[in-house]
Amino acid sequence: MRCPAVIEVRIIPQDEMRYDTLGDWQWSGDTLHIRAAQGPGWQPFLVALHEMTEAVLCEQGGIPEAAVDAWDLSFRGEGEPGDDPACPYRTEHRAACIVEFLMASFLGLSGYGTMR
């Protein structure tokens, strides 16, 4: 299991994301690359925090990045791929949501996450 030596976070235009998502993560050796789509206010920061948390928890849980990518890229259901009960990283995604929503609460963003 690897612990990131470097975490690179980039906020990029939505149309530069690998697929239709607000956030994405990829490993390159011990470097964790986080991408979050540009958005209003604190949203890109919160999405990046979510992605960082999810990536580390997937690594800790032995869920390969390739399995996450395969699920996300083939997902055709409603809502977030990670919320689907069949998702292989659902527990890690939901934990990342808790971290994201808790930080939003600390930032005073009432109702953040209720529409996601």
N, C-alpha and C. Protein backbone atom coordinates (compact mmCIF):
# COMPACT_ATOMS: atom_id res chain seq x y z
N MET A 1 0.85 -1.17 0.00
CA MET A 1 0.00 0.00 0.00
C MET A 1 0.89 1.23 0.00
N ARG A 2 0.52 2.21 -0.79
CA ARG A 2 1.32 3.43 -0.87
C ARG A 2 0.61 4.60 -0.18
N CYS A 3 1.41 5.43 0.39
CA CYS A 3 0.95 6.69 0.94
C CYS A 3 1.49 7.76 0.01
N PRO A 4 0.66 8.70 -0.41
CA PRO A 4 1.15 9.68 -1.38
C PRO A 4 2.32 10.49 -0.83
N ALA A 5 3.39 10.56 -1.64
CA ALA A 5 4.52 11.42 -1.32
C ALA A 5 4.24 12.83 -1.81
N VAL A 6 3.48 12.91 -2.90
CA VAL A 6 3.09 14.19 -3.49
C VAL A 6 1.61 14.09 -3.84
N ILE A 7 0.88 15.15 -3.53
CA ILE A 7 -0.52 15.26 -3.96
C ILE A 7 -0.62 16.51 -4.81
N GLU A 8 -0.95 16.30 -6.08
CA GLU A 8 -1.09 17.40 -7.03
C GLU A 8 -2.59 17.64 -7.26
N VAL A 9 -3.03 18.84 -6.98
CA VAL A 9 -4.44 19.20 -7.18
C VAL A 9 -4.52 20.25 -8.26
N ARG A 10 -5.36 19.99 -9.25
CA ARG A 10 -5.59 20.96 -10.32
C ARG A 10 -7.09 21.19 -10.48
N ILE A 11 -7.44 22.46 -10.58
CA ILE A 11 -8.82 22.86 -10.88
C ILE A 11 -8.84 23.19 -12.37
N ILE A 12 -9.65 22.46 -13.11
CA ILE A 12 -9.63 22.58 -14.57
C ILE A 12 -11.05 22.78 -15.10
N PRO A 13 -11.18 23.27 -16.34
CA PRO A 13 -12.52 23.39 -16.94
C PRO A 13 -13.20 22.03 -17.04
N GLN A 14 -14.50 22.01 -16.88
CA GLN A 14 -15.29 20.78 -16.94
C GLN A 14 -14.98 19.97 -18.20
N ASP A 15 -14.85 20.65 -19.33
CA ASP A 15 -14.65 19.93 -20.59
C ASP A 15 -13.25 19.30 -20.72
N GLU A 16 -12.38 19.54 -19.75
CA GLU A 16 -11.06 18.91 -19.75
C GLU A 16 -10.99 17.69 -18.83
N MET A 17 -12.09 17.40 -18.14
CA MET A 17 -12.14 16.21 -17.30
C MET A 17 -12.11 14.97 -18.20
N ARG A 18 -11.63 13.84 -17.67
CA ARG A 18 -11.55 12.61 -18.47
C ARG A 18 -12.91 12.10 -18.91
N TYR A 19 -13.93 12.36 -18.11
CA TYR A 19 -15.30 11.97 -18.43
C TYR A 19 -16.22 12.94 -17.70
N ASP A 20 -17.52 12.77 -17.83
CA ASP A 20 -18.48 13.71 -17.26
C ASP A 20 -18.56 13.53 -15.74
N THR A 21 -17.71 14.25 -15.04
CA THR A 21 -17.64 14.17 -13.59
C THR A 21 -17.12 15.49 -13.04
N LEU A 22 -17.34 15.73 -11.77
CA LEU A 22 -16.80 16.94 -11.13
C LEU A 22 -15.41 16.70 -10.58
N GLY A 23 -15.06 15.44 -10.32
CA GLY A 23 -13.76 15.14 -9.73
C GLY A 23 -13.22 13.81 -10.20
N ASP A 24 -11.90 13.69 -10.13
CA ASP A 24 -11.24 12.49 -10.64
C ASP A 24 -9.90 12.36 -9.94
N TRP A 25 -9.42 11.13 -9.79
CA TRP A 25 -8.11 10.89 -9.22
C TRP A 25 -7.38 9.81 -9.98
N GLN A 26 -6.04 9.94 -10.00
CA GLN A 26 -5.17 8.96 -10.63
C GLN A 26 -3.85 8.93 -9.88
N TRP A 27 -3.26 7.73 -9.80
CA TRP A 27 -1.94 7.58 -9.20
C TRP A 27 -0.89 7.51 -10.31
N SER A 28 0.27 8.06 -10.03
CA SER A 28 1.46 7.89 -10.87
C SER A 28 2.60 7.64 -9.90
N GLY A 29 2.92 6.39 -9.67
CA GLY A 29 3.89 6.05 -8.63
C GLY A 29 3.32 6.46 -7.28
N ASP A 30 4.09 7.25 -6.53
CA ASP A 30 3.64 7.73 -5.22
C ASP A 30 3.01 9.12 -5.29
N THR A 31 2.72 9.58 -6.50
CA THR A 31 2.07 10.88 -6.68
C THR A 31 0.59 10.65 -6.95
N LEU A 32 -0.23 11.33 -6.18
CA LEU A 32 -1.68 11.28 -6.34
C LEU A 32 -2.11 12.54 -7.08
N HIS A 33 -2.69 12.37 -8.26
CA HIS A 33 -3.16 13.48 -9.08
C HIS A 33 -4.67 13.63 -8.89
N ILE A 34 -5.07 14.80 -8.45
CA ILE A 34 -6.48 15.12 -8.23
C ILE A 34 -6.89 16.18 -9.24
N ARG A 35 -8.03 15.97 -9.87
CA ARG A 35 -8.60 16.96 -10.78
C ARG A 35 -10.01 17.27 -10.30
N ALA A 36 -10.31 18.54 -10.22
CA ALA A 36 -11.67 18.99 -9.88
C ALA A 36 -12.10 20.00 -10.93
N ALA A 37 -13.34 19.91 -11.33
CA ALA A 37 -13.87 20.83 -12.33
C ALA A 37 -14.09 22.21 -11.71
N GLN A 38 -13.84 23.22 -12.51
CA GLN A 38 -14.13 24.58 -12.06
C GLN A 38 -15.61 24.67 -11.71
N GLY A 39 -15.90 25.44 -10.68
CA GLY A 39 -17.27 25.59 -10.25
C GLY A 39 -17.38 26.77 -9.31
N PRO A 40 -18.57 26.99 -8.79
CA PRO A 40 -18.80 28.16 -7.93
C PRO A 40 -18.21 27.98 -6.53
N GLY A 41 -17.78 29.07 -5.97
CA GLY A 41 -17.36 29.12 -4.57
C GLY A 41 -16.37 28.04 -4.18
N TRP A 42 -16.69 27.37 -3.09
CA TRP A 42 -15.82 26.34 -2.52
C TRP A 42 -15.95 24.99 -3.20
N GLN A 43 -16.85 24.84 -4.16
CA GLN A 43 -17.11 23.54 -4.76
C GLN A 43 -15.84 22.83 -5.25
N PRO A 44 -14.96 23.47 -6.04
CA PRO A 44 -13.76 22.74 -6.50
C PRO A 44 -12.88 22.23 -5.36
N PHE A 45 -12.72 23.04 -4.32
CA PHE A 45 -11.94 22.61 -3.15
C PHE A 45 -12.58 21.39 -2.49
N LEU A 46 -13.89 21.46 -2.30
CA LEU A 46 -14.60 20.37 -1.63
C LEU A 46 -14.58 19.09 -2.46
N VAL A 47 -14.71 19.22 -3.77
CA VAL A 47 -14.64 18.06 -4.65
C VAL A 47 -13.23 17.47 -4.60
N ALA A 48 -12.21 18.31 -4.62
CA ALA A 48 -10.83 17.82 -4.54
C ALA A 48 -10.59 17.09 -3.22
N LEU A 49 -11.12 17.61 -2.13
CA LEU A 49 -11.00 16.95 -0.83
C LEU A 49 -11.67 15.58 -0.87
N HIS A 50 -12.83 15.51 -1.48
CA HIS A 50 -13.54 14.24 -1.65
C HIS A 50 -12.67 13.25 -2.42
N GLU A 51 -12.14 13.69 -3.55
CA GLU A 51 -11.34 12.79 -4.40
C GLU A 51 -10.09 12.31 -3.68
N MET A 52 -9.43 13.19 -2.96
CA MET A 52 -8.24 12.81 -2.20
C MET A 52 -8.60 11.74 -1.17
N THR A 53 -9.67 11.95 -0.45
CA THR A 53 -10.12 11.01 0.57
C THR A 53 -10.47 9.66 -0.06
N GLU A 54 -11.23 9.70 -1.13
CA GLU A 54 -11.65 8.47 -1.80
C GLU A 54 -10.45 7.69 -2.32
N ALA A 55 -9.50 8.36 -2.94
CA ALA A 55 -8.32 7.69 -3.49
C ALA A 55 -7.51 6.99 -2.40
N VAL A 56 -7.29 7.68 -1.30
CA VAL A 56 -6.51 7.10 -0.20
C VAL A 56 -7.26 5.91 0.42
N LEU A 57 -8.57 6.04 0.59
CA LEU A 57 -9.34 4.94 1.16
C LEU A 57 -9.39 3.74 0.21
N CYS A 58 -9.48 3.98 -1.08
CA CYS A 58 -9.43 2.87 -2.04
C CYS A 58 -8.06 2.18 -1.98
N GLU A 59 -7.01 2.96 -1.90
CA GLU A 59 -5.66 2.40 -1.77
C GLU A 59 -5.57 1.56 -0.50
N GLN A 60 -6.03 2.11 0.60
CA GLN A 60 -6.00 1.42 1.89
C GLN A 60 -6.82 0.13 1.84
N GLY A 61 -7.94 0.17 1.12
CA GLY A 61 -8.83 -0.98 1.05
C GLY A 61 -8.48 -1.99 -0.03
N GLY A 62 -7.41 -1.73 -0.78
CA GLY A 62 -7.00 -2.67 -1.82
C GLY A 62 -7.87 -2.64 -3.07
N ILE A 63 -8.56 -1.53 -3.29
CA ILE A 63 -9.40 -1.40 -4.48
C ILE A 63 -8.56 -0.74 -5.57
N PRO A 64 -8.26 -1.46 -6.64
CA PRO A 64 -7.38 -0.91 -7.67
C PRO A 64 -8.00 0.28 -8.41
N GLU A 65 -7.15 1.21 -8.76
CA GLU A 65 -7.59 2.36 -9.55
C GLU A 65 -8.29 1.89 -10.83
N ALA A 66 -7.78 0.83 -11.44
CA ALA A 66 -8.38 0.32 -12.68
C ALA A 66 -9.83 -0.12 -12.46
N ALA A 67 -10.15 -0.68 -11.29
CA ALA A 67 -11.52 -1.09 -10.99
C ALA A 67 -12.43 0.13 -10.84
N VAL A 68 -11.91 1.18 -10.21
CA VAL A 68 -12.67 2.43 -10.05
C VAL A 68 -12.94 3.05 -11.41
N ASP A 69 -11.88 3.16 -12.23
CA ASP A 69 -12.03 3.74 -13.57
C ASP A 69 -13.01 2.93 -14.42
N ALA A 70 -12.89 1.60 -14.38
CA ALA A 70 -13.77 0.76 -15.18
C ALA A 70 -15.23 0.97 -14.78
N TRP A 71 -15.48 1.05 -13.47
CA TRP A 71 -16.84 1.28 -12.99
C TRP A 71 -17.34 2.66 -13.44
N ASP A 72 -16.54 3.68 -13.18
CA ASP A 72 -16.96 5.05 -13.51
C ASP A 72 -17.21 5.23 -15.00
N LEU A 73 -16.32 4.71 -15.82
CA LEU A 73 -16.42 4.92 -17.27
C LEU A 73 -17.56 4.12 -17.90
N SER A 74 -18.00 3.04 -17.25
CA SER A 74 -19.09 2.24 -17.81
C SER A 74 -20.43 2.53 -17.15
N PHE A 75 -20.45 3.36 -16.11
CA PHE A 75 -21.67 3.61 -15.35
C PHE A 75 -22.72 4.32 -16.21
N ARG A 76 -23.93 3.79 -16.20
CA ARG A 76 -25.03 4.39 -16.97
C ARG A 76 -26.26 4.63 -16.10
N GLY A 77 -26.13 4.48 -14.80
CA GLY A 77 -27.26 4.63 -13.90
C GLY A 77 -27.54 6.08 -13.56
N GLU A 78 -28.41 6.26 -12.60
CA GLU A 78 -28.79 7.59 -12.13
C GLU A 78 -27.83 8.04 -11.03
N GLY A 79 -27.56 9.34 -10.97
CA GLY A 79 -26.76 9.90 -9.90
C GLY A 79 -25.28 9.61 -10.03
N GLU A 80 -24.59 9.65 -8.89
CA GLU A 80 -23.14 9.43 -8.83
C GLU A 80 -22.82 7.95 -8.96
N PRO A 81 -21.80 7.59 -9.73
CA PRO A 81 -21.42 6.18 -9.83
C PRO A 81 -21.12 5.55 -8.47
N GLY A 82 -20.48 6.30 -7.59
CA GLY A 82 -20.10 5.76 -6.29
C GLY A 82 -21.26 5.52 -5.34
N ASP A 83 -22.43 6.07 -5.64
CA ASP A 83 -23.60 5.86 -4.78
C ASP A 83 -24.37 4.59 -5.13
N ASP A 84 -24.11 4.02 -6.28
CA ASP A 84 -24.82 2.82 -6.70
C ASP A 84 -24.47 1.66 -5.76
N PRO A 85 -25.47 0.91 -5.28
CA PRO A 85 -25.20 -0.20 -4.35
C PRO A 85 -24.21 -1.25 -4.88
N ALA A 86 -24.10 -1.39 -6.20
CA ALA A 86 -23.18 -2.38 -6.78
C ALA A 86 -21.76 -1.84 -6.96
N CYS A 87 -21.54 -0.58 -6.67
CA CYS A 87 -20.24 0.05 -6.89
C CYS A 87 -19.17 -0.63 -6.04
N PRO A 88 -18.03 -0.98 -6.64
CA PRO A 88 -16.97 -1.67 -5.89
C PRO A 88 -16.26 -0.79 -4.85
N TYR A 89 -16.44 0.51 -4.94
CA TYR A 89 -15.80 1.42 -3.98
C TYR A 89 -16.85 2.29 -3.26
N ARG A 90 -18.07 1.76 -3.14
CA ARG A 90 -19.16 2.54 -2.55
C ARG A 90 -18.85 3.00 -1.14
N THR A 91 -18.32 2.13 -0.29
CA THR A 91 -18.00 2.50 1.09
C THR A 91 -16.99 3.64 1.13
N GLU A 92 -15.97 3.56 0.29
CA GLU A 92 -14.94 4.60 0.25
C GLU A 92 -15.52 5.91 -0.28
N HIS A 93 -16.37 5.83 -1.29
CA HIS A 93 -17.02 7.02 -1.84
C HIS A 93 -17.91 7.69 -0.79
N ARG A 94 -18.69 6.88 -0.09
CA ARG A 94 -19.61 7.44 0.91
C ARG A 94 -18.83 8.07 2.07
N ALA A 95 -17.72 7.47 2.47
CA ALA A 95 -16.87 8.07 3.50
C ALA A 95 -16.31 9.40 3.02
N ALA A 96 -15.91 9.46 1.74
CA ALA A 96 -15.40 10.71 1.17
C ALA A 96 -16.49 11.78 1.14
N CYS A 97 -17.73 11.37 0.90
CA CYS A 97 -18.86 12.31 0.95
C CYS A 97 -19.00 12.91 2.35
N ILE A 98 -18.85 12.07 3.36
CA ILE A 98 -18.96 12.56 4.74
C ILE A 98 -17.90 13.62 5.01
N VAL A 99 -16.67 13.35 4.60
CA VAL A 99 -15.58 14.33 4.80
C VAL A 99 -15.89 15.62 4.04
N GLU A 100 -16.31 15.49 2.79
CA GLU A 100 -16.65 16.64 1.95
C GLU A 100 -17.77 17.47 2.57
N PHE A 101 -18.84 16.80 2.99
CA PHE A 101 -20.00 17.51 3.53
C PHE A 101 -19.71 18.11 4.90
N LEU A 102 -18.88 17.43 5.68
CA LEU A 102 -18.49 17.97 6.98
C LEU A 102 -17.68 19.25 6.80
N MET A 103 -16.73 19.24 5.86
CA MET A 103 -15.95 20.45 5.60
C MET A 103 -16.86 21.57 5.11
N ALA A 104 -17.81 21.24 4.25
CA ALA A 104 -18.77 22.25 3.77
C ALA A 104 -19.52 22.86 4.95
N SER A 105 -19.90 22.04 5.90
CA SER A 105 -20.58 22.53 7.09
C SER A 105 -19.67 23.47 7.89
N PHE A 106 -18.41 23.09 8.05
CA PHE A 106 -17.44 23.95 8.75
C PHE A 106 -17.26 25.29 8.04
N LEU A 107 -17.43 25.28 6.70
CA LEU A 107 -17.31 26.51 5.91
C LEU A 107 -18.60 27.32 5.93
N GLY A 108 -19.62 26.81 6.58
CA GLY A 108 -20.89 27.53 6.69
C GLY A 108 -21.78 27.39 5.47
N LEU A 109 -21.57 26.34 4.68
CA LEU A 109 -22.35 26.15 3.46
C LEU A 109 -23.58 25.29 3.77
N SER A 110 -24.59 25.93 4.28
CA SER A 110 -25.82 25.23 4.64
C SER A 110 -26.43 24.56 3.42
N GLY A 111 -26.76 23.28 3.53
CA GLY A 111 -27.41 22.56 2.45
C GLY A 111 -26.49 22.00 1.39
N TYR A 112 -25.19 22.23 1.51
CA TYR A 112 -24.26 21.69 0.51
C TYR A 112 -24.39 20.18 0.46
N GLY A 113 -24.43 19.63 -0.75
CA GLY A 113 -24.48 18.19 -0.91
C GLY A 113 -25.86 17.61 -0.98
N THR A 114 -26.87 18.40 -0.71
CA THR A 114 -28.23 17.87 -0.73
C THR A 114 -28.71 17.62 -2.17
N MET A 115 -28.07 18.26 -3.14
CA MET A 115 -28.48 18.10 -4.53
C MET A 115 -27.53 17.16 -5.29
N ARG A 116 -26.50 16.62 -4.63
CA ARG A 116 -25.54 15.76 -5.31
C ARG A 116 -25.89 14.33 -5.12
